[in-house]
Amino acid sequence: MRVGILALSAGLVLASLPTASDAQRADNDIFPRSTALQQEGQKAQEAGDLNLAIDLYESALAADPRNRSAIIALAQVARAQGLPGKAIGLYREALVLEPNDVVALTGQGEALADKGALELAREKLAEAQRVCGDKCPQVAALEKTIASNASKRVVAAEVLVPKPVVATVGASNQN
């Protein structure tokens, strides 16, 4: 009886381990279901339905977390929604998967420029130029974004010290 339970538990452990085919998949070998969901998300994004696009992109990532294109698409939606901080984080996730992805590098640079972090945006520009040179349209777009945001004044939060209000307590006129 004990041997049967031991054999059963060993079988369950072995069945739960990743198979050799999962470990040997190439980085660009994305599950077809993930790719299909991403394409549906792109159609929704082009139609202007950003919430549906987000849902489909997130479903694509649930199907295959290595789908870098879906991560980049989510970052682009975040920028379109005016959320450059969220976009920066998503581009960072894509760059973890592929550090030389020009779309992710320049997208993160544009989001940084939108946020006002021009020095960091210039660093991303230099990295993108190293990867693909000055001929990439993404590099030109990042240069344009940096130039347009350079003229904007970045306002830092300042501590405003309110002037104290001194209330005078009037003496009562007692006769």
N, C-alpha and C. Protein backbone atom coordinates (compact mmCIF):
# COMPACT_ATOMS: atom_id res chain seq x y z
N MET A 1 0.83 -1.19 0.00
CA MET A 1 0.00 0.00 0.00
C MET A 1 0.86 1.24 0.00
N ARG A 2 1.91 1.24 0.83
CA ARG A 2 2.78 2.41 0.90
C ARG A 2 3.52 2.63 -0.42
N VAL A 3 3.91 1.57 -1.06
CA VAL A 3 4.63 1.67 -2.32
C VAL A 3 3.73 2.28 -3.39
N GLY A 4 2.46 1.94 -3.38
CA GLY A 4 1.51 2.49 -4.35
C GLY A 4 1.33 3.99 -4.17
N ILE A 5 1.24 4.43 -2.92
CA ILE A 5 1.09 5.86 -2.64
C ILE A 5 2.36 6.61 -3.03
N LEU A 6 3.50 6.01 -2.73
CA LEU A 6 4.77 6.62 -3.09
C LEU A 6 4.91 6.72 -4.61
N ALA A 7 4.52 5.68 -5.32
CA ALA A 7 4.59 5.69 -6.78
C ALA A 7 3.64 6.72 -7.35
N LEU A 8 2.46 6.82 -6.78
CA LEU A 8 1.48 7.80 -7.24
C LEU A 8 1.98 9.22 -7.03
N SER A 9 2.54 9.51 -5.87
CA SER A 9 3.03 10.87 -5.60
C SER A 9 4.23 11.20 -6.48
N ALA A 10 5.11 10.22 -6.73
CA ALA A 10 6.24 10.46 -7.62
C ALA A 10 5.75 10.73 -9.03
N GLY A 11 4.72 10.03 -9.46
CA GLY A 11 4.14 10.26 -10.78
C GLY A 11 3.54 11.64 -10.90
N LEU A 12 2.87 12.10 -9.84
CA LEU A 12 2.29 13.45 -9.86
C LEU A 12 3.38 14.52 -9.93
N VAL A 13 4.46 14.31 -9.20
CA VAL A 13 5.56 15.28 -9.23
C VAL A 13 6.17 15.33 -10.63
N LEU A 14 6.41 14.19 -11.22
CA LEU A 14 7.00 14.16 -12.56
C LEU A 14 6.06 14.75 -13.61
N ALA A 15 4.78 14.55 -13.45
CA ALA A 15 3.81 15.09 -14.41
C ALA A 15 3.71 16.60 -14.31
N SER A 16 4.00 17.16 -13.16
CA SER A 16 3.89 18.60 -13.00
C SER A 16 5.14 19.36 -13.45
N LEU A 17 6.22 18.67 -13.69
CA LEU A 17 7.45 19.33 -14.15
C LEU A 17 7.29 19.77 -15.60
N PRO A 18 7.94 20.89 -15.98
CA PRO A 18 7.85 21.33 -17.37
C PRO A 18 8.47 20.29 -18.29
N THR A 19 7.88 20.17 -19.44
CA THR A 19 8.40 19.19 -20.40
C THR A 19 9.60 19.76 -21.13
N ALA A 20 10.34 18.91 -21.77
CA ALA A 20 11.53 19.34 -22.51
C ALA A 20 11.15 20.27 -23.65
N SER A 21 9.99 20.08 -24.24
CA SER A 21 9.60 20.94 -25.36
C SER A 21 9.34 22.37 -24.88
N ASP A 22 8.83 22.54 -23.65
CA ASP A 22 8.62 23.88 -23.11
C ASP A 22 9.96 24.57 -22.87
N ALA A 23 10.92 23.82 -22.36
CA ALA A 23 12.22 24.41 -22.04
C ALA A 23 13.02 24.74 -23.29
N GLN A 24 12.72 24.08 -24.39
CA GLN A 24 13.50 24.29 -25.59
C GLN A 24 12.83 25.21 -26.60
N ARG A 25 11.72 25.84 -26.23
CA ARG A 25 11.07 26.77 -27.15
C ARG A 25 11.94 28.00 -27.34
N ALA A 26 11.99 28.48 -28.56
CA ALA A 26 12.75 29.69 -28.85
C ALA A 26 12.01 30.89 -28.26
N ASP A 27 12.76 31.96 -28.01
CA ASP A 27 12.16 33.16 -27.44
C ASP A 27 11.10 33.77 -28.35
N ASN A 28 11.27 33.61 -29.65
CA ASN A 28 10.29 34.19 -30.57
C ASN A 28 9.20 33.19 -30.96
N ASP A 29 9.18 32.03 -30.32
CA ASP A 29 8.17 31.00 -30.57
C ASP A 29 7.02 31.22 -29.59
N ILE A 30 6.13 32.13 -29.95
CA ILE A 30 5.01 32.50 -29.09
C ILE A 30 3.83 31.57 -29.40
N PHE A 31 3.10 31.19 -28.37
CA PHE A 31 1.94 30.34 -28.58
C PHE A 31 0.96 31.00 -29.55
N PRO A 32 0.39 30.25 -30.47
CA PRO A 32 -0.54 30.82 -31.46
C PRO A 32 -1.75 31.50 -30.83
N ARG A 33 -2.25 30.98 -29.73
CA ARG A 33 -3.41 31.61 -29.07
C ARG A 33 -3.06 33.02 -28.60
N SER A 34 -1.85 33.18 -28.08
CA SER A 34 -1.40 34.49 -27.63
C SER A 34 -1.29 35.47 -28.81
N THR A 35 -0.76 34.99 -29.91
CA THR A 35 -0.63 35.83 -31.09
C THR A 35 -2.00 36.24 -31.64
N ALA A 36 -2.95 35.30 -31.64
CA ALA A 36 -4.30 35.61 -32.13
C ALA A 36 -4.97 36.66 -31.25
N LEU A 37 -4.82 36.52 -29.93
CA LEU A 37 -5.40 37.51 -29.01
C LEU A 37 -4.76 38.87 -29.20
N GLN A 38 -3.45 38.88 -29.43
CA GLN A 38 -2.76 40.14 -29.65
C GLN A 38 -3.28 40.83 -30.92
N GLN A 39 -3.50 40.06 -31.97
CA GLN A 39 -4.00 40.64 -33.22
C GLN A 39 -5.41 41.18 -33.04
N GLU A 40 -6.24 40.50 -32.26
CA GLU A 40 -7.57 41.02 -31.95
C GLU A 40 -7.46 42.32 -31.16
N GLY A 41 -6.51 42.38 -30.24
CA GLY A 41 -6.28 43.59 -29.47
C GLY A 41 -5.85 44.75 -30.36
N GLN A 42 -5.03 44.45 -31.34
CA GLN A 42 -4.57 45.50 -32.26
C GLN A 42 -5.75 46.05 -33.06
N LYS A 43 -6.65 45.17 -33.48
CA LYS A 43 -7.86 45.63 -34.20
C LYS A 43 -8.71 46.52 -33.30
N ALA A 44 -8.88 46.12 -32.05
CA ALA A 44 -9.66 46.92 -31.11
C ALA A 44 -9.00 48.27 -30.86
N GLN A 45 -7.66 48.28 -30.76
CA GLN A 45 -6.94 49.53 -30.55
C GLN A 45 -7.10 50.45 -31.75
N GLU A 46 -7.00 49.89 -32.94
CA GLU A 46 -7.17 50.70 -34.16
C GLU A 46 -8.58 51.25 -34.27
N ALA A 47 -9.57 50.51 -33.74
CA ALA A 47 -10.96 50.96 -33.75
C ALA A 47 -11.23 51.98 -32.64
N GLY A 48 -10.26 52.18 -31.76
CA GLY A 48 -10.41 53.17 -30.69
C GLY A 48 -10.97 52.60 -29.40
N ASP A 49 -11.20 51.31 -29.31
CA ASP A 49 -11.71 50.69 -28.09
C ASP A 49 -10.53 50.25 -27.23
N LEU A 50 -9.96 51.19 -26.49
CA LEU A 50 -8.75 50.92 -25.72
C LEU A 50 -8.97 49.94 -24.58
N ASN A 51 -10.16 49.97 -23.97
CA ASN A 51 -10.42 49.04 -22.87
C ASN A 51 -10.47 47.60 -23.36
N LEU A 52 -11.11 47.37 -24.49
CA LEU A 52 -11.13 46.03 -25.07
C LEU A 52 -9.73 45.62 -25.49
N ALA A 53 -8.98 46.56 -26.06
CA ALA A 53 -7.61 46.27 -26.47
C ALA A 53 -6.77 45.84 -25.27
N ILE A 54 -6.90 46.54 -24.17
CA ILE A 54 -6.16 46.19 -22.95
C ILE A 54 -6.53 44.78 -22.51
N ASP A 55 -7.83 44.47 -22.48
CA ASP A 55 -8.27 43.14 -22.07
C ASP A 55 -7.67 42.05 -22.97
N LEU A 56 -7.67 42.29 -24.27
CA LEU A 56 -7.15 41.29 -25.20
C LEU A 56 -5.63 41.15 -25.09
N TYR A 57 -4.93 42.27 -24.91
CA TYR A 57 -3.47 42.20 -24.75
C TYR A 57 -3.11 41.46 -23.46
N GLU A 58 -3.85 41.74 -22.40
CA GLU A 58 -3.59 41.04 -21.13
C GLU A 58 -3.90 39.55 -21.25
N SER A 59 -4.94 39.21 -22.02
CA SER A 59 -5.24 37.80 -22.26
C SER A 59 -4.13 37.14 -23.07
N ALA A 60 -3.58 37.88 -24.02
CA ALA A 60 -2.46 37.36 -24.81
C ALA A 60 -1.27 37.07 -23.92
N LEU A 61 -1.04 37.94 -22.94
CA LEU A 61 0.08 37.72 -22.02
C LEU A 61 -0.20 36.57 -21.05
N ALA A 62 -1.46 36.37 -20.72
CA ALA A 62 -1.81 35.22 -19.87
C ALA A 62 -1.56 33.92 -20.64
N ALA A 63 -1.82 33.95 -21.93
CA ALA A 63 -1.59 32.75 -22.76
C ALA A 63 -0.10 32.49 -22.95
N ASP A 64 0.70 33.55 -23.05
CA ASP A 64 2.15 33.40 -23.19
C ASP A 64 2.83 34.67 -22.67
N PRO A 65 3.38 34.63 -21.47
CA PRO A 65 4.00 35.81 -20.86
C PRO A 65 5.23 36.33 -21.62
N ARG A 66 5.73 35.55 -22.57
CA ARG A 66 6.91 35.98 -23.33
C ARG A 66 6.53 36.75 -24.58
N ASN A 67 5.25 37.06 -24.76
CA ASN A 67 4.80 37.78 -25.95
C ASN A 67 5.17 39.26 -25.80
N ARG A 68 6.38 39.57 -26.22
CA ARG A 68 6.92 40.93 -26.09
C ARG A 68 6.09 41.95 -26.85
N SER A 69 5.56 41.55 -28.00
CA SER A 69 4.74 42.46 -28.79
C SER A 69 3.48 42.89 -28.05
N ALA A 70 2.90 41.98 -27.29
CA ALA A 70 1.71 42.33 -26.50
C ALA A 70 2.06 43.28 -25.37
N ILE A 71 3.23 43.11 -24.78
CA ILE A 71 3.68 44.03 -23.72
C ILE A 71 3.88 45.42 -24.31
N ILE A 72 4.52 45.49 -25.47
CA ILE A 72 4.76 46.78 -26.12
C ILE A 72 3.44 47.43 -26.50
N ALA A 73 2.49 46.63 -26.99
CA ALA A 73 1.18 47.17 -27.34
C ALA A 73 0.47 47.74 -26.11
N LEU A 74 0.58 47.05 -24.97
CA LEU A 74 0.00 47.58 -23.73
C LEU A 74 0.65 48.91 -23.35
N ALA A 75 1.95 49.01 -23.55
CA ALA A 75 2.66 50.25 -23.24
C ALA A 75 2.19 51.38 -24.16
N GLN A 76 1.95 51.06 -25.42
CA GLN A 76 1.47 52.08 -26.36
C GLN A 76 0.07 52.56 -25.97
N VAL A 77 -0.76 51.65 -25.51
CA VAL A 77 -2.10 52.04 -25.04
C VAL A 77 -1.98 52.93 -23.81
N ALA A 78 -1.06 52.59 -22.91
CA ALA A 78 -0.87 53.41 -21.70
C ALA A 78 -0.45 54.83 -22.08
N ARG A 79 0.44 54.95 -23.07
CA ARG A 79 0.84 56.29 -23.52
C ARG A 79 -0.34 57.03 -24.14
N ALA A 80 -1.15 56.32 -24.91
CA ALA A 80 -2.33 56.94 -25.53
C ALA A 80 -3.32 57.41 -24.47
N GLN A 81 -3.34 56.75 -23.33
CA GLN A 81 -4.23 57.14 -22.23
C GLN A 81 -3.60 58.22 -21.34
N GLY A 82 -2.40 58.67 -21.69
CA GLY A 82 -1.74 59.69 -20.89
C GLY A 82 -1.11 59.15 -19.62
N LEU A 83 -0.67 57.90 -19.65
CA LEU A 83 -0.05 57.27 -18.48
C LEU A 83 1.40 56.90 -18.78
N PRO A 84 2.29 57.91 -18.89
CA PRO A 84 3.67 57.59 -19.27
C PRO A 84 4.40 56.74 -18.25
N GLY A 85 4.09 56.88 -16.97
CA GLY A 85 4.75 56.07 -15.95
C GLY A 85 4.45 54.59 -16.11
N LYS A 86 3.20 54.27 -16.38
CA LYS A 86 2.81 52.88 -16.61
C LYS A 86 3.49 52.36 -17.88
N ALA A 87 3.54 53.20 -18.92
CA ALA A 87 4.18 52.80 -20.18
C ALA A 87 5.65 52.50 -19.97
N ILE A 88 6.33 53.32 -19.17
CA ILE A 88 7.75 53.12 -18.90
C ILE A 88 7.98 51.74 -18.27
N GLY A 89 7.15 51.38 -17.30
CA GLY A 89 7.28 50.08 -16.66
C GLY A 89 7.02 48.92 -17.62
N LEU A 90 6.04 49.07 -18.49
CA LEU A 90 5.74 48.01 -19.46
C LEU A 90 6.88 47.87 -20.48
N TYR A 91 7.41 49.00 -20.94
CA TYR A 91 8.55 48.93 -21.86
C TYR A 91 9.74 48.25 -21.16
N ARG A 92 9.91 48.51 -19.87
CA ARG A 92 10.99 47.88 -19.12
C ARG A 92 10.83 46.35 -19.13
N GLU A 93 9.58 45.89 -18.97
CA GLU A 93 9.32 44.45 -19.02
C GLU A 93 9.70 43.87 -20.38
N ALA A 94 9.38 44.59 -21.45
CA ALA A 94 9.73 44.12 -22.79
C ALA A 94 11.24 44.09 -22.97
N LEU A 95 11.94 45.06 -22.40
CA LEU A 95 13.39 45.12 -22.52
C LEU A 95 14.08 44.03 -21.71
N VAL A 96 13.42 43.53 -20.68
CA VAL A 96 13.98 42.40 -19.94
C VAL A 96 14.01 41.17 -20.85
N LEU A 97 12.96 41.01 -21.66
CA LEU A 97 12.90 39.88 -22.57
C LEU A 97 13.88 40.02 -23.73
N GLU A 98 14.04 41.25 -24.24
CA GLU A 98 14.96 41.51 -25.35
C GLU A 98 15.55 42.91 -25.18
N PRO A 99 16.75 43.01 -24.62
CA PRO A 99 17.35 44.32 -24.33
C PRO A 99 17.61 45.19 -25.55
N ASN A 100 17.68 44.60 -26.74
CA ASN A 100 17.97 45.38 -27.95
C ASN A 100 16.74 45.62 -28.81
N ASP A 101 15.56 45.54 -28.24
CA ASP A 101 14.33 45.79 -28.99
C ASP A 101 14.21 47.31 -29.22
N VAL A 102 14.36 47.71 -30.48
CA VAL A 102 14.37 49.14 -30.81
C VAL A 102 13.02 49.79 -30.51
N VAL A 103 11.94 49.08 -30.76
CA VAL A 103 10.61 49.63 -30.50
C VAL A 103 10.43 49.89 -29.01
N ALA A 104 10.88 48.95 -28.18
CA ALA A 104 10.76 49.13 -26.73
C ALA A 104 11.70 50.23 -26.24
N LEU A 105 12.92 50.27 -26.76
CA LEU A 105 13.88 51.31 -26.35
C LEU A 105 13.35 52.71 -26.67
N THR A 106 12.91 52.89 -27.91
CA THR A 106 12.45 54.22 -28.31
C THR A 106 11.11 54.55 -27.68
N GLY A 107 10.25 53.54 -27.50
CA GLY A 107 8.98 53.78 -26.83
C GLY A 107 9.18 54.23 -25.40
N GLN A 108 10.12 53.56 -24.71
CA GLN A 108 10.41 53.97 -23.33
C GLN A 108 11.02 55.37 -23.32
N GLY A 109 11.86 55.67 -24.30
CA GLY A 109 12.44 57.01 -24.39
C GLY A 109 11.37 58.07 -24.60
N GLU A 110 10.39 57.77 -25.45
CA GLU A 110 9.30 58.74 -25.68
C GLU A 110 8.46 58.92 -24.42
N ALA A 111 8.18 57.84 -23.72
CA ALA A 111 7.41 57.95 -22.47
C ALA A 111 8.19 58.73 -21.42
N LEU A 112 9.50 58.52 -21.36
CA LEU A 112 10.33 59.29 -20.43
C LEU A 112 10.30 60.77 -20.79
N ALA A 113 10.38 61.07 -22.09
CA ALA A 113 10.32 62.47 -22.52
C ALA A 113 8.96 63.08 -22.19
N ASP A 114 7.89 62.30 -22.38
CA ASP A 114 6.55 62.79 -22.03
C ASP A 114 6.46 63.13 -20.55
N LYS A 115 7.17 62.36 -19.75
CA LYS A 115 7.14 62.56 -18.30
C LYS A 115 8.07 63.70 -17.87
N GLY A 116 8.95 64.13 -18.79
CA GLY A 116 9.86 65.23 -18.47
C GLY A 116 11.27 64.78 -18.13
N ALA A 117 11.55 63.50 -18.19
CA ALA A 117 12.88 62.96 -17.87
C ALA A 117 13.71 62.93 -19.15
N LEU A 118 14.14 64.13 -19.57
CA LEU A 118 14.80 64.25 -20.88
C LEU A 118 16.18 63.61 -20.90
N GLU A 119 16.91 63.64 -19.80
CA GLU A 119 18.24 63.02 -19.78
C GLU A 119 18.12 61.51 -19.95
N LEU A 120 17.18 60.90 -19.27
CA LEU A 120 16.97 59.47 -19.42
C LEU A 120 16.48 59.13 -20.82
N ALA A 121 15.66 60.00 -21.39
CA ALA A 121 15.19 59.80 -22.77
C ALA A 121 16.36 59.86 -23.74
N ARG A 122 17.29 60.76 -23.49
CA ARG A 122 18.48 60.85 -24.36
C ARG A 122 19.35 59.60 -24.23
N GLU A 123 19.40 59.02 -23.04
CA GLU A 123 20.14 57.77 -22.87
C GLU A 123 19.50 56.64 -23.69
N LYS A 124 18.17 56.59 -23.69
CA LYS A 124 17.46 55.58 -24.50
C LYS A 124 17.70 55.84 -25.99
N LEU A 125 17.78 57.12 -26.35
CA LEU A 125 18.07 57.47 -27.75
C LEU A 125 19.45 56.95 -28.14
N ALA A 126 20.43 57.14 -27.28
CA ALA A 126 21.79 56.66 -27.57
C ALA A 126 21.81 55.14 -27.70
N GLU A 127 21.07 54.44 -26.84
CA GLU A 127 21.01 52.98 -26.93
C GLU A 127 20.36 52.54 -28.24
N ALA A 128 19.28 53.22 -28.62
CA ALA A 128 18.59 52.87 -29.87
C ALA A 128 19.49 53.16 -31.07
N GLN A 129 20.24 54.25 -31.03
CA GLN A 129 21.16 54.56 -32.12
C GLN A 129 22.26 53.51 -32.21
N ARG A 130 22.70 53.01 -31.07
CA ARG A 130 23.72 51.97 -31.06
C ARG A 130 23.20 50.69 -31.70
N VAL A 131 21.93 50.39 -31.46
CA VAL A 131 21.35 49.15 -31.98
C VAL A 131 21.06 49.24 -33.47
N CYS A 132 20.47 50.34 -33.92
CA CYS A 132 20.05 50.37 -35.33
C CYS A 132 20.54 51.58 -36.10
N GLY A 133 21.29 52.46 -35.49
CA GLY A 133 21.80 53.63 -36.20
C GLY A 133 20.76 54.74 -36.29
N ASP A 134 21.09 55.75 -37.08
CA ASP A 134 20.21 56.91 -37.21
C ASP A 134 19.13 56.72 -38.27
N LYS A 135 19.17 55.61 -38.98
CA LYS A 135 18.26 55.42 -40.10
C LYS A 135 16.91 54.85 -39.69
N CYS A 136 16.78 54.39 -38.47
CA CYS A 136 15.51 53.81 -38.01
C CYS A 136 14.46 54.91 -37.85
N PRO A 137 13.24 54.65 -38.30
CA PRO A 137 12.19 55.65 -38.10
C PRO A 137 11.85 55.85 -36.63
N GLN A 138 12.06 54.81 -35.81
CA GLN A 138 11.78 54.94 -34.38
C GLN A 138 12.75 55.92 -33.73
N VAL A 139 14.01 55.91 -34.19
CA VAL A 139 15.02 56.83 -33.64
C VAL A 139 14.64 58.27 -34.00
N ALA A 140 14.20 58.47 -35.23
CA ALA A 140 13.79 59.81 -35.65
C ALA A 140 12.59 60.29 -34.85
N ALA A 141 11.64 59.39 -34.58
CA ALA A 141 10.47 59.76 -33.79
C ALA A 141 10.86 60.12 -32.37
N LEU A 142 11.81 59.38 -31.79
CA LEU A 142 12.26 59.69 -30.43
C LEU A 142 12.98 61.03 -30.40
N GLU A 143 13.82 61.30 -31.39
CA GLU A 143 14.50 62.61 -31.46
C GLU A 143 13.48 63.74 -31.52
N LYS A 144 12.44 63.55 -32.32
CA LYS A 144 11.39 64.57 -32.45
C LYS A 144 10.65 64.78 -31.13
N THR A 145 10.34 63.68 -30.43
CA THR A 145 9.65 63.77 -29.14
C THR A 145 10.51 64.48 -28.11
N ILE A 146 11.79 64.17 -28.08
CA ILE A 146 12.70 64.84 -27.13
C ILE A 146 12.77 66.33 -27.44
N ALA A 147 12.89 66.67 -28.72
CA ALA A 147 12.97 68.08 -29.11
C ALA A 147 11.70 68.83 -28.75
N SER A 148 10.55 68.21 -28.96
CA SER A 148 9.30 68.91 -28.65
C SER A 148 9.08 69.06 -27.15
N ASN A 149 9.56 68.10 -26.37
CA ASN A 149 9.40 68.19 -24.92
C ASN A 149 10.48 69.03 -24.26
N ALA A 150 11.58 69.29 -24.98
CA ALA A 150 12.65 70.11 -24.42
C ALA A 150 12.19 71.55 -24.23
N SER A 151 11.26 71.98 -25.07
CA SER A 151 10.79 73.35 -24.95
C SER A 151 9.75 73.52 -23.84
N LYS A 152 9.19 72.41 -23.39
CA LYS A 152 8.22 72.48 -22.29
C LYS A 152 8.95 72.69 -20.99
N ARG A 153 8.39 73.49 -20.17
CA ARG A 153 8.98 73.74 -18.86
C ARG A 153 8.47 72.69 -17.89
N VAL A 154 9.41 72.01 -17.25
CA VAL A 154 9.04 71.02 -16.25
C VAL A 154 8.89 71.73 -14.92
N VAL A 155 7.74 71.62 -14.35
CA VAL A 155 7.46 72.28 -13.08
C VAL A 155 7.60 71.25 -11.97
N ALA A 156 8.47 71.55 -11.05
CA ALA A 156 8.66 70.65 -9.91
C ALA A 156 7.70 71.05 -8.81
N ALA A 157 7.36 70.10 -8.04
CA ALA A 157 6.48 70.40 -6.91
C ALA A 157 7.27 71.19 -5.88
N GLU A 158 6.71 72.26 -5.46
CA GLU A 158 7.37 73.09 -4.46
C GLU A 158 6.53 73.06 -3.19
N VAL A 159 7.23 73.17 -2.12
CA VAL A 159 6.53 73.22 -0.85
C VAL A 159 6.07 74.66 -0.64
N LEU A 160 4.81 74.82 -0.54
CA LEU A 160 4.27 76.15 -0.30
C LEU A 160 4.01 76.31 1.18
N VAL A 161 4.62 77.32 1.72
CA VAL A 161 4.45 77.58 3.14
C VAL A 161 3.37 78.65 3.27
N PRO A 162 2.27 78.30 3.85
CA PRO A 162 1.21 79.30 3.99
C PRO A 162 1.60 80.36 5.01
N LYS A 163 1.15 81.54 4.72
CA LYS A 163 1.39 82.62 5.67
C LYS A 163 0.48 82.42 6.86
N PRO A 164 1.05 82.53 8.06
CA PRO A 164 0.20 82.33 9.23
C PRO A 164 -0.81 83.47 9.37
N VAL A 165 -1.97 83.09 9.73
CA VAL A 165 -3.03 84.07 9.94
C VAL A 165 -3.12 84.30 11.44
N VAL A 166 -2.90 85.52 11.81
CA VAL A 166 -2.95 85.85 13.22
C VAL A 166 -4.29 86.52 13.47
N ALA A 167 -5.05 85.88 14.26
CA ALA A 167 -6.35 86.44 14.60
C ALA A 167 -6.21 87.25 15.87
N THR A 168 -6.70 88.43 15.80
CA THR A 168 -6.66 89.24 17.01
C THR A 168 -7.96 89.04 17.76
N VAL A 169 -7.77 88.81 19.00
CA VAL A 169 -8.94 88.63 19.85
C VAL A 169 -9.25 90.01 20.41
N GLY A 170 -10.38 90.49 20.02
CA GLY A 170 -10.77 91.84 20.43
C GLY A 170 -11.14 91.87 21.90
N ALA A 171 -10.67 92.91 22.58
CA ALA A 171 -11.02 93.05 23.99
C ALA A 171 -12.45 93.54 24.06
N SER A 172 -13.16 92.95 24.93
CA SER A 172 -14.55 93.36 25.04
C SER A 172 -14.62 94.68 25.80
N ASN A 173 -15.45 95.54 25.36
CA ASN A 173 -15.60 96.84 25.99
C ASN A 173 -16.51 96.71 27.19
N GLN A 174 -15.91 96.70 28.32
CA GLN A 174 -16.70 96.60 29.54
C GLN A 174 -16.60 97.94 30.26
N ASN A 175 -17.67 98.49 30.59
CA ASN A 175 -17.69 99.76 31.30
C ASN A 175 -18.03 99.59 32.72
